[in-house]
Amino acid sequence: MTFSAPEKATHSTMKRTTVRLADGRELIYFDRDENADRGAADRRDLPPRPPAAELRRDPLTGEWIAIAGHRQGRTLLPPADQCPLCPSAPGRPTEIPAAGYEVAVFENRFPSFSASAPDDGAADPGGLGETRPAAGRCEVVCFTADHDASFSTLPPDRVELVMRAWADRTAELSALPGVEQVFCFENRGAEIGITLGHPHGQIYAYPYVTPRTRRMLAVARAHRERGGGDLFAEVLAAERKAEVRVVGRNEHWTAFVPAAARWPFEVHLYPHRRVPDLCALEPAERAAFGPLYTDVLRRFDGLFGVAMPYVAAWHQAPVREGRDLACLHLELFSIRRAADRLKYLAGSESAMGAFVNDVLPEEAARMLREAVTN
C-alpha cells in the first residue's frame, strides 16, 4: 500500500509504503522521495512468531504487568556487521529488506503486546489477581540507515519525517481494537539497557492506560475541579516566566528542567499550543521541534564529553479518556549524574516509587545551558 499525504502548509509529500516481512510482520517505509523503490522482498527463513504475552493484574496496586517470557531470547548488542536494523546487503539480510531507507517502522519480533493475543481471559489460578491477553502492538522505529548516527545528528527535515511517522503510527494504532494508549519512545545507551545500538526507538500500543498517565490526569482533573485552569499550560507559563530552569525555546516549543525533576538531568519539551497527541501538531510546530530537540540532545552529550544514556518519552493523551486534560509533551532524562557516576534506582525509588535527586534542577539547567555543543 502506497500513498502520498500532502501538507497544506509546506506542500511537502510523504510516501508511505507497506510490505510484509518473511514471518508476516508489517514493515512500513516513510520517504520524502516519491520515487523511492521499496520493492525488495524479505527472503529470510524465519521461525514462527512467538506466542502472545499475558497480562496479570497486581491485586495490591491494580496495575497490569505484561508477562512475556519469549523476550528473553531477543538479540543482544550484536556487532555492527550483524546489526538487524541496518539495510540489507548481499549475503546479509536484515529486518529491513531495502538497500537503504530514510525512516522504517516494523512490528517488533519480540513484542510485549501482540494483536495475535487470544481474546479469552481467565482467572489467575495462583493468586487473587486476574489475567487477560496482552493484546496490543509493539513496533520498532528506525530513524536512519546510518548505524553510527544518533538522533542528535539528524537534520531537521529527517526529524520532521520521524515525527510524521510517529503521528501516522499513533493514529493507526489508536484505531486498533482494545488499544487505550500509544507511547512513542527512545532508549539510548548501554547503561539504559538497550539491546541494539542502531539509532532507533519503539512504539507501544497498550491495552490499558498506563499508571503514570492515570496519575497525571487525576492531578490535572483535581486541579481543574478546585477552580484552576489547564494545569499543563500553567506549568509551562510558570517555567517560561521564571526562566531559571529554561534550557532553550523557539516560537513553538520550550525546553525546561522541571522544578521537581526526578532524574539528575531531565528536560521537558512542551509545545506552546496545547494538543492531545502528535497527530494534532501543525506542520510549523513539527518543523520547529527538531532544531530545539537536537540542540538539547547535543547539550546532554556535551555535559561530560561522553554520549549520554537517555530515555526520551512522548506523553500523549489516551485514546478514549482524558483528552481534554492531557497535553502532549516530551520527557527526556538521563541516569548519568556525573562523568563517572550513574543514578541507580535503589530502595526508595524502586521499592517505594519515592525519588531522591542528587542534582539541583536549577544547577542542571545552568549546566545544560553552558554545555559545549558540536
Protein backbone atom coordinates (compact mmCIF):
# COMPACT_ATOMS: atom_id res chain seq x y z
CA MET A 1 0.00 0.00 0.00
CA THR A 2 1.47 3.34 -1.02
CA PHE A 3 0.07 6.84 -0.85
CA SER A 4 1.25 10.45 -0.72
CA ALA A 5 -0.04 12.72 2.01
CA PRO A 6 0.20 16.44 1.15
CA GLU A 7 0.75 19.02 3.87
CA LYS A 8 -1.01 22.26 3.03
CA ALA A 9 1.39 24.46 4.98
CA THR A 10 4.59 23.21 3.36
CA HIS A 11 3.24 21.42 0.28
CA SER A 12 5.65 18.58 1.06
CA THR A 13 4.76 14.96 0.48
CA MET A 14 5.40 11.77 2.36
CA LYS A 15 5.48 8.42 0.61
CA ARG A 16 4.30 5.58 2.81
CA THR A 17 4.96 2.03 1.61
CA THR A 18 3.81 -1.08 3.45
CA VAL A 19 5.35 -4.53 2.87
CA ARG A 20 5.39 -7.83 4.74
CA LEU A 21 8.43 -9.50 6.28
CA ALA A 22 9.04 -13.23 5.86
CA ASP A 23 7.12 -14.14 9.04
CA GLY A 24 4.14 -11.92 8.21
CA ARG A 25 5.06 -8.88 10.28
CA GLU A 26 4.32 -5.48 8.82
CA LEU A 27 7.10 -3.10 7.71
CA ILE A 28 6.36 0.49 6.70
CA TYR A 29 8.80 2.77 4.89
CA PHE A 30 8.43 6.55 5.19
CA ASP A 31 10.14 8.55 2.43
CA ARG A 32 10.27 12.10 1.17
CA ASP A 33 11.28 10.83 -2.28
CA GLU A 34 8.18 9.68 -4.14
CA ASN A 35 10.39 7.62 -6.45
CA ALA A 36 11.95 5.54 -3.65
CA ASP A 37 11.90 1.87 -4.64
CA ARG A 38 10.64 -0.29 -1.78
CA GLY A 39 10.03 -3.49 -3.73
CA ALA A 40 12.81 -5.58 -2.14
CA ALA A 41 11.40 -8.76 -0.59
CA ASP A 42 12.40 -10.40 2.69
CA ARG A 43 13.64 -13.86 1.71
CA ARG A 44 14.83 -14.98 5.13
CA ASP A 45 13.72 -18.29 6.62
CA LEU A 46 12.36 -17.00 9.92
CA PRO A 47 10.91 -19.08 12.77
CA PRO A 48 7.21 -18.74 13.63
CA ARG A 49 6.20 -15.65 15.55
CA PRO A 50 6.32 -16.12 19.33
CA PRO A 51 3.24 -16.86 21.43
CA ALA A 52 1.34 -13.89 22.77
CA ALA A 53 2.27 -12.45 26.14
CA GLU A 54 -0.10 -12.38 29.10
CA LEU A 55 -1.29 -9.53 31.31
CA ARG A 56 -1.58 -10.13 35.05
CA ARG A 57 -3.19 -7.62 37.39
CA ASP A 58 -1.43 -6.93 40.67
CA PRO A 59 -4.21 -7.22 43.28
CA LEU A 60 -2.42 -4.81 45.64
CA THR A 61 -1.85 -1.93 43.23
CA GLY A 62 -4.36 -2.61 40.46
CA GLU A 63 -1.58 -2.30 37.88
CA TRP A 64 -1.27 -4.57 34.86
CA ILE A 65 2.03 -6.39 34.34
CA ALA A 66 2.96 -7.95 30.98
CA ILE A 67 4.46 -11.45 31.28
CA ALA A 68 6.45 -12.05 28.09
CA GLY A 69 8.92 -14.90 28.56
CA HIS A 70 9.79 -15.06 24.87
CA ARG A 71 11.61 -11.72 25.14
CA GLN A 72 14.47 -13.43 26.97
CA GLY A 73 15.69 -14.67 23.60
CA ARG A 74 15.89 -11.33 21.80
CA THR A 75 19.08 -10.20 20.08
CA LEU A 76 21.56 -8.57 22.48
CA LEU A 77 24.11 -5.98 21.30
CA PRO A 78 25.38 -7.69 18.14
CA PRO A 79 28.47 -6.31 16.34
CA ALA A 80 27.80 -3.62 13.75
CA ASP A 81 28.24 -6.01 10.82
CA GLN A 82 25.41 -8.15 12.22
CA CYS A 83 23.01 -5.34 13.11
CA PRO A 84 19.42 -6.32 12.24
CA LEU A 85 18.36 -2.67 11.80
CA CYS A 86 20.87 -1.77 9.09
CA PRO A 87 19.72 -2.05 5.47
CA SER A 88 20.07 -5.47 3.87
CA ALA A 89 23.18 -6.20 1.81
CA PRO A 90 24.12 -9.15 -0.42
CA GLY A 91 24.57 -12.16 1.83
CA ARG A 92 23.42 -10.20 4.91
CA PRO A 93 19.63 -9.93 5.10
CA THR A 94 18.19 -7.87 7.97
CA GLU A 95 14.83 -6.69 9.25
CA ILE A 96 14.93 -4.01 6.51
CA PRO A 97 14.98 -5.69 3.06
CA ALA A 98 15.79 -2.44 1.23
CA ALA A 99 19.39 -1.49 0.43
CA GLY A 100 18.78 1.89 2.06
CA TYR A 101 15.98 3.80 3.78
CA GLU A 102 15.05 7.09 5.45
CA VAL A 103 12.64 6.03 8.22
CA ALA A 104 11.36 2.48 8.66
CA VAL A 105 8.83 1.09 11.15
CA PHE A 106 8.15 -2.59 11.68
CA GLU A 107 6.40 -4.88 14.12
CA ASN A 108 8.72 -5.97 16.90
CA ARG A 109 9.87 -9.56 16.53
CA PHE A 110 9.77 -9.96 20.34
CA PRO A 111 6.69 -7.96 21.36
CA SER A 112 5.36 -7.30 24.86
CA PHE A 113 1.89 -6.77 23.33
CA SER A 114 0.53 -8.50 20.26
CA ALA A 115 -2.50 -8.47 18.00
CA SER A 116 -2.24 -12.27 17.94
CA ALA A 117 -3.23 -12.49 21.61
CA PRO A 118 -6.35 -14.64 22.14
CA ASP A 119 -9.45 -12.80 23.28
CA ASP A 120 -10.39 -15.14 26.13
CA GLY A 121 -9.38 -14.10 29.63
CA ALA A 122 -9.18 -16.36 32.66
CA ALA A 123 -8.78 -16.03 36.39
CA ASP A 124 -5.25 -16.48 37.70
CA PRO A 125 -5.27 -19.90 39.41
CA GLY A 126 -2.28 -18.95 41.52
CA GLY A 127 -3.46 -15.79 43.24
CA LEU A 128 -6.08 -13.10 43.71
CA GLY A 129 -5.21 -11.20 40.53
CA GLU A 130 -6.83 -11.61 37.16
CA THR A 131 -5.26 -12.34 33.81
CA ARG A 132 -6.06 -11.38 30.25
CA PRO A 133 -4.32 -11.43 26.89
CA ALA A 134 -1.61 -8.85 26.28
CA ALA A 135 -3.42 -7.54 23.22
CA GLY A 136 -1.91 -4.51 21.51
CA ARG A 137 1.13 -3.95 19.35
CA CYS A 138 4.84 -3.15 19.63
CA GLU A 139 6.79 -1.51 16.81
CA VAL A 140 10.40 -0.54 16.16
CA VAL A 141 11.15 2.85 14.58
CA CYS A 142 14.46 3.14 12.72
CA PHE A 143 15.39 6.83 12.45
CA THR A 144 18.17 6.42 9.89
CA ALA A 145 20.04 3.77 7.91
CA ASP A 146 23.34 5.10 9.32
CA HIS A 147 24.40 2.73 12.10
CA ASP A 148 26.83 5.25 13.60
CA ALA A 149 24.45 8.20 13.70
CA SER A 150 22.29 9.35 16.61
CA PHE A 151 19.06 11.30 16.89
CA SER A 152 21.09 14.40 17.76
CA THR A 153 22.83 14.27 14.36
CA LEU A 154 19.65 14.01 12.30
CA PRO A 155 18.96 17.04 10.09
CA PRO A 156 15.71 18.96 10.76
CA ASP A 157 13.90 17.51 7.74
CA ARG A 158 14.66 13.96 8.92
CA VAL A 159 13.39 14.76 12.42
CA GLU A 160 10.22 16.10 10.84
CA LEU A 161 9.83 12.87 8.85
CA VAL A 162 10.26 10.85 12.05
CA MET A 163 7.56 12.97 13.69
CA ARG A 164 5.23 12.34 10.79
CA ALA A 165 5.90 8.62 11.12
CA TRP A 166 5.14 8.83 14.86
CA ALA A 167 1.88 10.64 14.11
CA ASP A 168 0.95 8.11 11.44
CA ARG A 169 1.54 5.20 13.79
CA THR A 170 -0.26 6.94 16.67
CA ALA A 171 -3.36 7.33 14.51
CA GLU A 172 -3.31 3.78 13.16
CA LEU A 173 -2.52 2.08 16.45
CA SER A 174 -5.15 4.14 18.29
CA ALA A 175 -7.73 2.65 15.92
CA LEU A 176 -6.86 -0.96 16.78
CA PRO A 177 -9.43 -2.83 18.89
CA GLY A 178 -8.61 -2.71 22.59
CA VAL A 179 -5.77 -0.17 22.38
CA GLU A 180 -6.10 2.51 25.08
CA GLN A 181 -2.81 4.43 24.82
CA VAL A 182 0.05 4.85 22.34
CA PHE A 183 3.56 5.54 23.63
CA CYS A 184 6.46 6.59 21.36
CA PHE A 185 9.91 6.49 22.98
CA GLU A 186 13.64 6.06 22.51
CA ASN A 187 16.12 4.30 24.79
CA ARG A 188 19.74 5.24 24.09
CA GLY A 189 22.91 3.82 25.62
CA ALA A 190 24.08 0.51 27.05
CA GLU A 191 23.66 1.96 30.56
CA ILE A 192 19.92 2.31 29.90
CA GLY A 193 19.71 -1.31 28.81
CA ILE A 194 19.42 -1.12 25.02
CA THR A 195 19.73 -4.41 23.11
CA LEU A 196 20.59 -2.83 19.73
CA GLY A 197 22.99 0.06 19.14
CA HIS A 198 21.48 1.28 15.86
CA PRO A 199 19.59 4.62 16.24
CA HIS A 200 16.01 3.55 16.83
CA GLY A 201 13.01 3.95 19.07
CA GLN A 202 9.90 1.97 19.85
CA ILE A 203 6.14 2.38 19.99
CA TYR A 204 3.91 0.54 22.47
CA ALA A 205 0.17 0.34 21.89
CA TYR A 206 -1.09 -0.53 25.38
CA PRO A 207 -4.40 -2.28 26.11
CA TYR A 208 -4.75 -0.08 29.21
CA VAL A 209 -3.92 3.47 30.32
CA THR A 210 -0.51 3.44 31.99
CA PRO A 211 -0.15 4.22 35.73
CA ARG A 212 1.91 7.38 35.12
CA THR A 213 -0.68 8.80 32.73
CA ARG A 214 -3.55 7.96 35.06
CA ARG A 215 -1.78 9.78 37.87
CA MET A 216 -1.11 12.89 35.78
CA LEU A 217 -4.70 13.02 34.54
CA ALA A 218 -6.03 12.62 38.07
CA VAL A 219 -3.89 15.53 39.30
CA ALA A 220 -4.92 17.71 36.33
CA ARG A 221 -8.59 16.88 36.92
CA ALA A 222 -8.38 17.68 40.64
CA HIS A 223 -6.66 20.99 39.81
CA ARG A 224 -9.49 21.92 37.46
CA GLU A 225 -12.15 20.91 39.98
CA ARG A 226 -10.53 23.19 42.58
CA GLY A 227 -11.05 26.13 40.25
CA GLY A 228 -7.76 26.03 38.40
CA GLY A 229 -7.32 26.03 34.65
CA ASP A 230 -5.23 23.90 32.31
CA LEU A 231 -2.54 22.53 34.63
CA PHE A 232 -0.03 21.77 31.87
CA ALA A 233 -0.43 25.28 30.41
CA GLU A 234 0.05 26.80 33.85
CA VAL A 235 3.23 24.77 34.43
CA LEU A 236 4.62 25.90 31.08
CA ALA A 237 3.72 29.54 31.73
CA ALA A 238 5.34 29.45 35.18
CA GLU A 239 8.58 27.94 33.84
CA ARG A 240 8.76 30.46 30.99
CA LYS A 241 8.22 33.32 33.46
CA ALA A 242 10.77 32.06 35.99
CA GLU A 243 13.32 31.38 33.20
CA VAL A 244 15.88 29.92 35.63
CA ARG A 245 15.19 26.34 34.51
CA VAL A 246 14.62 27.06 30.80
CA VAL A 247 17.25 25.39 28.61
CA GLY A 248 16.02 26.61 25.21
CA ARG A 249 12.98 27.88 23.36
CA ASN A 250 11.66 28.96 20.00
CA GLU A 251 8.37 30.19 18.58
CA HIS A 252 6.51 26.93 19.15
CA TRP A 253 8.36 24.97 21.89
CA THR A 254 10.05 25.49 25.27
CA ALA A 255 12.57 23.10 26.82
CA PHE A 256 12.99 23.29 30.60
CA VAL A 257 14.17 21.30 33.59
CA PRO A 258 11.11 20.67 35.79
CA ALA A 259 11.23 22.15 39.27
CA ALA A 260 10.69 18.70 40.80
CA ALA A 261 12.92 16.73 38.45
CA ARG A 262 13.28 13.07 39.36
CA TRP A 263 16.44 12.46 37.36
CA PRO A 264 19.87 14.14 37.56
CA PHE A 265 19.43 15.62 34.09
CA GLU A 266 15.83 15.85 32.93
CA VAL A 267 14.32 18.18 30.33
CA HIS A 268 10.70 18.51 29.29
CA LEU A 269 9.74 19.92 25.89
CA TYR A 270 6.27 21.46 25.69
CA PRO A 271 4.50 22.86 22.63
CA HIS A 272 3.15 26.34 23.28
CA ARG A 273 -0.25 25.29 21.92
CA ARG A 274 -1.93 22.55 23.94
CA VAL A 275 -2.60 19.50 21.81
CA PRO A 276 -3.50 15.97 22.95
CA ASP A 277 -1.13 13.99 20.74
CA LEU A 278 1.39 14.02 17.90
CA CYS A 279 -1.36 13.78 15.30
CA ALA A 280 -2.64 17.23 16.29
CA LEU A 281 0.62 19.14 15.67
CA GLU A 282 0.62 21.63 12.80
CA PRO A 283 3.40 21.44 10.18
CA ALA A 284 5.09 24.56 11.61
CA GLU A 285 5.14 23.00 15.07
CA ARG A 286 6.68 19.81 13.76
CA ALA A 287 9.31 21.77 11.85
CA ALA A 288 10.22 23.80 14.95
CA PHE A 289 10.65 20.77 17.19
CA GLY A 290 13.73 19.24 15.54
CA PRO A 291 16.21 22.12 15.85
CA LEU A 292 15.40 22.67 19.53
CA TYR A 293 15.33 18.99 20.49
CA THR A 294 18.56 18.03 18.74
CA ASP A 295 20.24 21.05 20.37
CA VAL A 296 19.16 19.77 23.79
CA LEU A 297 20.46 16.29 22.94
CA ARG A 298 23.84 17.73 21.94
CA ARG A 299 23.92 19.62 25.24
CA PHE A 300 23.37 16.32 27.04
CA ASP A 301 26.36 14.85 25.22
CA GLY A 302 28.40 17.98 25.91
CA LEU A 303 27.92 17.87 29.68
CA PHE A 304 30.66 15.32 30.36
CA GLY A 305 32.11 14.78 26.91
CA VAL A 306 30.55 11.33 26.54
CA ALA A 307 27.46 10.02 24.79
CA MET A 308 24.76 10.40 27.43
CA PRO A 309 22.44 7.45 28.03
CA TYR A 310 18.86 8.66 27.98
CA VAL A 311 15.19 7.88 27.68
CA ALA A 312 13.03 10.15 25.51
CA ALA A 313 9.33 9.61 26.22
CA TRP A 314 6.36 11.17 24.43
CA HIS A 315 3.37 11.67 26.73
CA GLN A 316 0.18 11.57 24.67
CA ALA A 317 -3.47 11.57 25.66
CA PRO A 318 -5.12 8.17 25.97
CA VAL A 319 -7.33 7.07 23.11
CA ARG A 320 -10.67 7.35 24.87
CA GLU A 321 -10.32 9.34 28.09
CA GLY A 322 -8.76 12.48 29.48
CA ARG A 323 -8.20 14.05 26.06
CA ASP A 324 -9.46 17.40 27.35
CA LEU A 325 -6.94 17.25 30.22
CA ALA A 326 -3.78 15.75 28.72
CA CYS A 327 -1.08 17.75 26.96
CA LEU A 328 1.41 16.33 24.51
CA HIS A 329 4.95 16.75 25.78
CA LEU A 330 8.31 15.01 25.64
CA GLU A 331 10.25 13.98 28.73
CA LEU A 332 13.98 13.47 28.22
CA PHE A 333 16.13 12.20 31.06
CA SER A 334 19.48 10.57 31.75
CA ILE A 335 20.64 8.33 34.57
CA ARG A 336 24.16 9.83 34.42
CA ARG A 337 24.70 12.22 37.33
CA ALA A 338 28.43 12.87 36.89
CA ALA A 339 31.17 11.97 34.44
CA ASP A 340 31.90 8.74 36.31
CA ARG A 341 28.64 8.12 38.18
CA LEU A 342 25.20 6.77 37.33
CA LYS A 343 21.99 7.10 39.29
CA TYR A 344 20.67 3.68 40.21
CA LEU A 345 17.10 3.18 41.34
CA ALA A 346 17.75 1.74 44.76
CA GLY A 347 15.49 1.23 47.77
CA SER A 348 13.46 4.43 47.87
CA GLU A 349 12.91 4.70 44.15
CA SER A 350 12.50 1.02 43.24
CA ALA A 351 10.57 -0.18 46.28
CA MET A 352 8.52 2.89 47.16
CA GLY A 353 8.48 5.00 43.99
CA ALA A 354 9.80 7.91 46.06
CA PHE A 355 12.56 9.67 44.12
CA VAL A 356 15.57 11.46 45.56
CA ASN A 357 17.52 13.64 43.11
CA ASP A 358 21.19 14.41 43.78
CA VAL A 359 21.34 17.32 41.31
CA LEU A 360 19.57 20.64 41.95
CA PRO A 361 17.25 21.27 38.96
CA GLU A 362 18.38 24.89 38.66
CA GLU A 363 22.01 23.75 38.58
CA ALA A 364 21.19 21.11 35.97
CA ALA A 365 19.56 23.76 33.77
CA ARG A 366 22.59 26.04 34.14
CA MET A 367 24.96 23.22 33.21
CA LEU A 368 22.91 22.35 30.15
CA ARG A 369 22.75 25.99 29.01
CA GLU A 370 26.55 26.24 29.32
CA ALA A 371 27.31 22.82 27.82
CA VAL A 372 29.55 22.83 24.77
CA THR A 373 27.74 21.54 21.66
CA ASN A 374 29.37 20.32 18.47
